[in-house]
Amino acid sequence: MRRKAGVNASPAVSPTPAIEVTNLVKTFGTFYALRGISLQIASGESVAIFGPNGAGKTTFLRILSAITRPSSGEIVINGQPLRDGTLSIHRQLGVIGHQSFLYDDLTAEENLLFYARLYDVPRPSHRIQEVLAEVGLRERAKDRVRAFSRGMQQRLAIARAMLHNPSLLFLDEPYTGLDQHAASMLTSWLSRLRSERRTILLVTHDLDQGLALADRVVIFLRGKIAWEKAAPELDQHTLRQLYFDLVAGAERRFGATA
């Protein structure tokens, strides 16, 4: 019997790595977006990925989310090869990216009902009201998404991502378009998920925010992992200095597209 997604309990931390990536390559024509990325993320670990534009961060997340296909390499999520179990893996993921994955002509409530059915969320009406309240949109449940501001759409995308109580969260610049109140709400939500030992992969340009939310920091340059370190071993000044030195060095060697 297929087990339905729970919405109240935190997922148990497994000794099996949540994410195992081996020699991941992605090319677009002759351009190498990813050049042999290998990365292992423990169950319950929060990892922040930094890097300049064009470093491969978004491509990496899109591949892990099964939105983009890799050119080569191996990806295993919660012990299951990504190529073998895309649907079952999707049920374990909450994804917030540059696309909201919302339907403009549906209301906020209708959008969430669509995803609740897709993920077999129990008591969907109750859960929808719950997540709408969490992101401050309960009073706008009957409004069509096309009437929402960019920040409100991002808040609804957060509600969509948390709807089915995923064990893994992939976030690509989730603070984009959020006002101060919504950004504070997102930080509180991510902090709570960290305390529940969810596995979080966060791509952000905000070094200070990323460091505060991470157990480990990874820096991408030119489609490769240039550097990584445990977050508790870093402070904001050290991370900033190291990051800018790495980026400046790459730009001197390869040009501004590094």
Protein backbone atom coordinates (compact mmCIF):
# COMPACT_ATOMS: atom_id res chain seq x y z
CA MET A 1 0.00 0.00 0.00
CA ARG A 2 1.35 3.44 -0.87
CA ARG A 3 2.05 5.47 2.22
CA LYS A 4 0.52 8.92 2.13
CA ALA A 5 2.53 12.01 2.96
CA GLY A 6 2.29 12.95 6.58
CA VAL A 7 1.98 16.57 7.60
CA ASN A 8 2.49 16.65 11.33
CA ALA A 9 5.54 14.58 12.21
CA SER A 10 9.12 15.37 11.23
CA PRO A 11 10.77 12.77 9.00
CA ALA A 12 13.19 10.45 10.77
CA VAL A 13 16.89 11.08 10.15
CA SER A 14 18.30 8.17 8.16
CA PRO A 15 21.88 6.85 8.24
CA THR A 16 21.66 6.66 4.43
CA PRO A 17 22.88 9.91 2.80
CA ALA A 18 19.98 12.03 1.62
CA ILE A 19 21.79 13.05 -1.57
CA GLU A 20 24.73 11.42 -3.35
CA VAL A 21 26.02 13.07 -6.51
CA THR A 22 28.89 11.48 -8.43
CA ASN A 23 30.76 13.07 -11.35
CA LEU A 24 27.76 15.11 -12.53
CA VAL A 25 28.24 16.76 -15.92
CA LYS A 26 25.86 19.03 -17.83
CA THR A 27 26.62 20.54 -21.21
CA PHE A 28 24.64 22.94 -23.37
CA GLY A 29 26.16 22.49 -26.80
CA THR A 30 29.88 23.03 -26.28
CA PHE A 31 29.39 24.89 -22.97
CA TYR A 32 30.03 22.97 -19.75
CA ALA A 33 27.60 24.17 -17.07
CA LEU A 34 28.71 21.43 -14.64
CA ARG A 35 32.13 19.81 -14.82
CA GLY A 36 32.16 16.63 -12.78
CA ILE A 37 30.40 17.65 -9.55
CA SER A 38 30.58 15.10 -6.71
CA LEU A 39 28.81 15.90 -3.45
CA GLN A 40 27.29 13.92 -0.59
CA ILE A 41 24.74 15.45 1.78
CA ALA A 42 23.75 13.69 4.99
CA SER A 43 20.15 13.18 6.02
CA GLY A 44 19.13 16.19 8.11
CA GLU A 45 22.03 18.36 6.91
CA SER A 46 21.57 21.94 5.71
CA VAL A 47 23.95 23.01 2.93
CA ALA A 48 24.32 26.50 1.44
CA ILE A 49 25.71 26.82 -2.08
CA PHE A 50 27.31 30.10 -3.11
CA GLY A 51 28.85 31.22 -6.38
CA PRO A 52 28.74 33.98 -9.00
CA ASN A 53 26.23 34.02 -11.83
CA GLY A 54 26.98 31.26 -14.32
CA ALA A 55 28.75 29.05 -11.78
CA GLY A 56 26.25 26.21 -12.26
CA LYS A 57 24.24 26.52 -9.04
CA THR A 58 20.77 26.71 -10.59
CA THR A 59 21.57 24.01 -13.14
CA PHE A 60 22.68 21.76 -10.28
CA LEU A 61 19.42 22.27 -8.38
CA ARG A 62 17.30 21.80 -11.51
CA ILE A 63 18.97 18.46 -12.17
CA LEU A 64 18.48 17.31 -8.58
CA SER A 65 14.82 18.36 -8.86
CA ALA A 66 14.43 16.25 -12.05
CA ILE A 67 13.55 19.38 -14.05
CA THR A 68 16.69 19.19 -16.21
CA ARG A 69 18.42 16.01 -17.37
CA PRO A 70 22.17 15.63 -16.75
CA SER A 71 24.57 14.86 -19.58
CA SER A 72 26.28 12.23 -17.43
CA GLY A 73 26.86 11.28 -13.82
CA GLU A 74 24.97 9.57 -11.03
CA ILE A 75 22.40 10.98 -8.58
CA VAL A 76 20.95 9.00 -5.68
CA ILE A 77 18.29 10.53 -3.42
CA ASN A 78 17.39 8.73 -0.19
CA GLY A 79 18.96 5.57 -1.57
CA GLN A 80 17.09 5.65 -4.89
CA PRO A 81 18.73 6.49 -8.25
CA LEU A 82 17.03 9.57 -9.64
CA ARG A 83 16.60 8.05 -13.10
CA ASP A 84 14.68 5.07 -11.66
CA GLY A 85 12.18 6.79 -9.39
CA THR A 86 11.40 10.31 -10.49
CA LEU A 87 7.77 10.28 -9.30
CA SER A 88 8.43 8.74 -5.90
CA ILE A 89 11.40 11.08 -5.40
CA HIS A 90 9.28 14.12 -6.31
CA ARG A 91 6.96 13.23 -3.43
CA GLN A 92 9.90 13.65 -1.04
CA LEU A 93 10.96 17.06 -2.40
CA GLY A 94 9.88 20.61 -1.74
CA VAL A 95 11.26 22.92 -4.45
CA ILE A 96 11.33 26.72 -4.49
CA GLY A 97 13.04 28.20 -7.53
CA HIS A 98 12.89 30.92 -10.14
CA GLN A 99 9.64 29.40 -11.44
CA SER A 100 6.71 29.42 -9.02
CA PHE A 101 5.02 26.34 -10.57
CA LEU A 102 1.70 28.09 -9.93
CA TYR A 103 -1.24 28.47 -12.31
CA ASP A 104 -2.22 32.12 -12.82
CA ASP A 105 -5.87 31.41 -13.61
CA LEU A 106 -6.43 29.32 -10.48
CA THR A 107 -6.96 30.71 -7.00
CA ALA A 108 -4.38 30.20 -4.26
CA GLU A 109 -6.60 27.50 -2.78
CA GLU A 110 -7.12 25.75 -6.14
CA ASN A 111 -3.39 25.71 -6.83
CA LEU A 112 -2.69 24.05 -3.51
CA LEU A 113 -5.56 21.58 -3.98
CA PHE A 114 -4.01 20.51 -7.29
CA TYR A 115 -0.68 19.78 -5.59
CA ALA A 116 -2.37 18.18 -2.57
CA ARG A 117 -4.01 15.65 -4.88
CA LEU A 118 -0.75 15.11 -6.76
CA TYR A 119 1.07 14.31 -3.51
CA ASP A 120 -1.79 12.40 -1.83
CA VAL A 121 -1.89 14.83 1.09
CA PRO A 122 -4.33 13.59 3.76
CA ARG A 123 -7.09 15.98 4.86
CA PRO A 124 -6.19 18.35 2.01
CA SER A 125 -8.63 21.15 2.87
CA HIS A 126 -7.35 21.35 6.43
CA ARG A 127 -3.71 21.23 5.35
CA ILE A 128 -4.25 23.92 2.70
CA GLN A 129 -5.73 26.32 5.24
CA GLU A 130 -2.86 25.50 7.58
CA VAL A 131 -0.09 26.37 5.11
CA LEU A 132 -1.91 29.44 3.80
CA ALA A 133 -2.07 30.72 7.37
CA GLU A 134 1.65 30.01 7.83
CA VAL A 135 2.55 32.23 4.86
CA GLY A 136 0.00 34.93 5.69
CA LEU A 137 -2.31 34.29 2.71
CA ARG A 138 -5.37 32.74 4.34
CA GLU A 139 -7.47 35.82 3.58
CA ARG A 140 -6.44 35.62 -0.09
CA ALA A 141 -7.30 31.93 -0.56
CA LYS A 142 -10.07 32.65 -3.08
CA ASP A 143 -8.08 35.17 -5.15
CA ARG A 144 -6.54 34.23 -8.48
CA VAL A 145 -2.77 34.05 -8.55
CA ARG A 146 -2.55 36.50 -11.47
CA ALA A 147 -3.71 39.23 -9.04
CA PHE A 148 -0.85 38.51 -6.62
CA SER A 149 2.31 40.59 -6.35
CA ARG A 150 5.70 38.94 -6.93
CA GLY A 151 6.20 38.64 -3.18
CA MET A 152 2.76 37.09 -2.64
CA GLN A 153 3.40 34.57 -5.40
CA GLN A 154 6.67 33.65 -3.74
CA ARG A 155 4.87 33.15 -0.43
CA LEU A 156 2.34 30.89 -2.15
CA ALA A 157 5.21 28.96 -3.74
CA ILE A 158 6.58 28.41 -0.23
CA ALA A 159 3.16 27.10 0.84
CA ARG A 160 3.19 24.76 -2.18
CA ALA A 161 6.65 23.50 -1.26
CA MET A 162 5.73 22.75 2.37
CA LEU A 163 2.25 21.35 1.61
CA HIS A 164 3.21 17.65 1.54
CA ASN A 165 5.69 17.79 4.43
CA PRO A 166 8.77 16.96 2.32
CA SER A 167 11.93 15.51 3.83
CA LEU A 168 14.17 17.42 1.38
CA LEU A 169 14.00 21.11 0.52
CA PHE A 170 15.70 22.59 -2.56
CA LEU A 171 15.68 26.39 -2.58
CA ASP A 172 17.10 28.61 -5.33
CA GLU A 173 17.30 32.26 -4.24
CA PRO A 174 14.06 31.94 -2.23
CA TYR A 175 14.32 35.49 -0.81
CA THR A 176 13.95 37.08 -4.26
CA GLY A 177 10.92 39.37 -4.38
CA LEU A 178 10.03 39.03 -0.70
CA ASP A 179 9.33 42.06 1.46
CA GLN A 180 10.90 42.31 4.91
CA HIS A 181 7.99 40.60 6.67
CA ALA A 182 7.87 37.71 4.20
CA ALA A 183 11.66 37.32 4.32
CA SER A 184 11.52 37.12 8.11
CA MET A 185 8.77 34.51 7.84
CA LEU A 186 10.88 32.46 5.43
CA THR A 187 13.90 32.60 7.73
CA SER A 188 11.80 31.43 10.68
CA TRP A 189 10.36 28.60 8.59
CA LEU A 190 13.80 27.45 7.43
CA SER A 191 15.15 27.63 10.98
CA ARG A 192 12.27 25.46 12.17
CA LEU A 193 12.87 22.93 9.40
CA ARG A 194 16.55 22.80 10.35
CA SER A 195 15.61 22.08 13.95
CA GLU A 196 13.39 19.25 12.66
CA ARG A 197 16.43 17.85 10.81
CA ARG A 198 15.03 18.23 7.31
CA THR A 199 17.61 18.06 4.55
CA ILE A 200 18.00 21.53 3.03
CA LEU A 201 19.94 22.61 -0.05
CA LEU A 202 19.94 26.41 -0.34
CA VAL A 203 21.35 28.41 -3.26
CA THR A 204 21.77 32.08 -2.42
CA HIS A 205 23.90 35.15 -3.12
CA ASP A 206 23.42 36.31 0.48
CA LEU A 207 26.54 35.01 2.21
CA ASP A 208 25.47 36.06 5.71
CA GLN A 209 21.98 34.57 5.44
CA GLY A 210 23.25 31.36 3.89
CA LEU A 211 25.92 30.91 6.55
CA ALA A 212 23.37 31.44 9.33
CA LEU A 213 21.11 28.71 7.93
CA ALA A 214 23.75 26.13 6.99
CA ASP A 215 25.66 23.27 8.54
CA ARG A 216 28.05 23.32 5.59
CA VAL A 217 29.05 25.87 2.95
CA VAL A 218 29.93 24.97 -0.66
CA ILE A 219 31.26 27.41 -3.29
CA PHE A 220 30.74 26.75 -7.00
CA LEU A 221 33.01 28.28 -9.65
CA ARG A 222 32.89 27.49 -13.38
CA GLY A 223 30.75 24.41 -12.87
CA LYS A 224 32.99 22.88 -10.22
CA ILE A 225 33.11 22.78 -6.43
CA ALA A 226 35.92 25.21 -5.64
CA TRP A 227 35.73 25.02 -1.84
CA GLU A 228 33.64 23.67 1.04
CA LYS A 229 33.76 23.83 4.81
CA ALA A 230 31.63 23.20 7.90
CA ALA A 231 29.66 26.38 8.70
CA PRO A 232 30.45 26.39 12.46
CA GLU A 233 34.13 26.79 11.56
CA LEU A 234 33.43 30.07 9.74
CA ASP A 235 32.42 33.60 10.62
CA GLN A 236 30.89 36.15 8.27
CA HIS A 237 34.11 38.10 7.70
CA THR A 238 36.18 35.00 6.91
CA LEU A 239 33.57 33.65 4.50
CA ARG A 240 33.21 36.98 2.68
CA GLN A 241 36.96 37.41 2.30
CA LEU A 242 37.48 33.86 1.09
CA TYR A 243 34.55 34.00 -1.32
CA PHE A 244 35.61 37.25 -2.95
CA ASP A 245 39.23 36.09 -3.19
CA LEU A 246 38.13 32.90 -4.95
CA VAL A 247 35.84 34.74 -7.38
CA ALA A 248 38.44 37.43 -8.11
CA GLY A 249 41.10 34.80 -8.72
CA ALA A 250 38.84 32.92 -11.14
CA GLU A 251 38.00 36.13 -12.99
CA ARG A 252 41.70 36.96 -13.38
CA ARG A 253 42.35 33.50 -14.83
CA PHE A 254 39.24 32.95 -16.93
CA GLY A 255 37.47 36.29 -17.34
CA ALA A 256 34.32 37.75 -15.81
CA THR A 257 32.17 34.71 -16.69
CA ALA A 258 33.93 32.59 -14.03
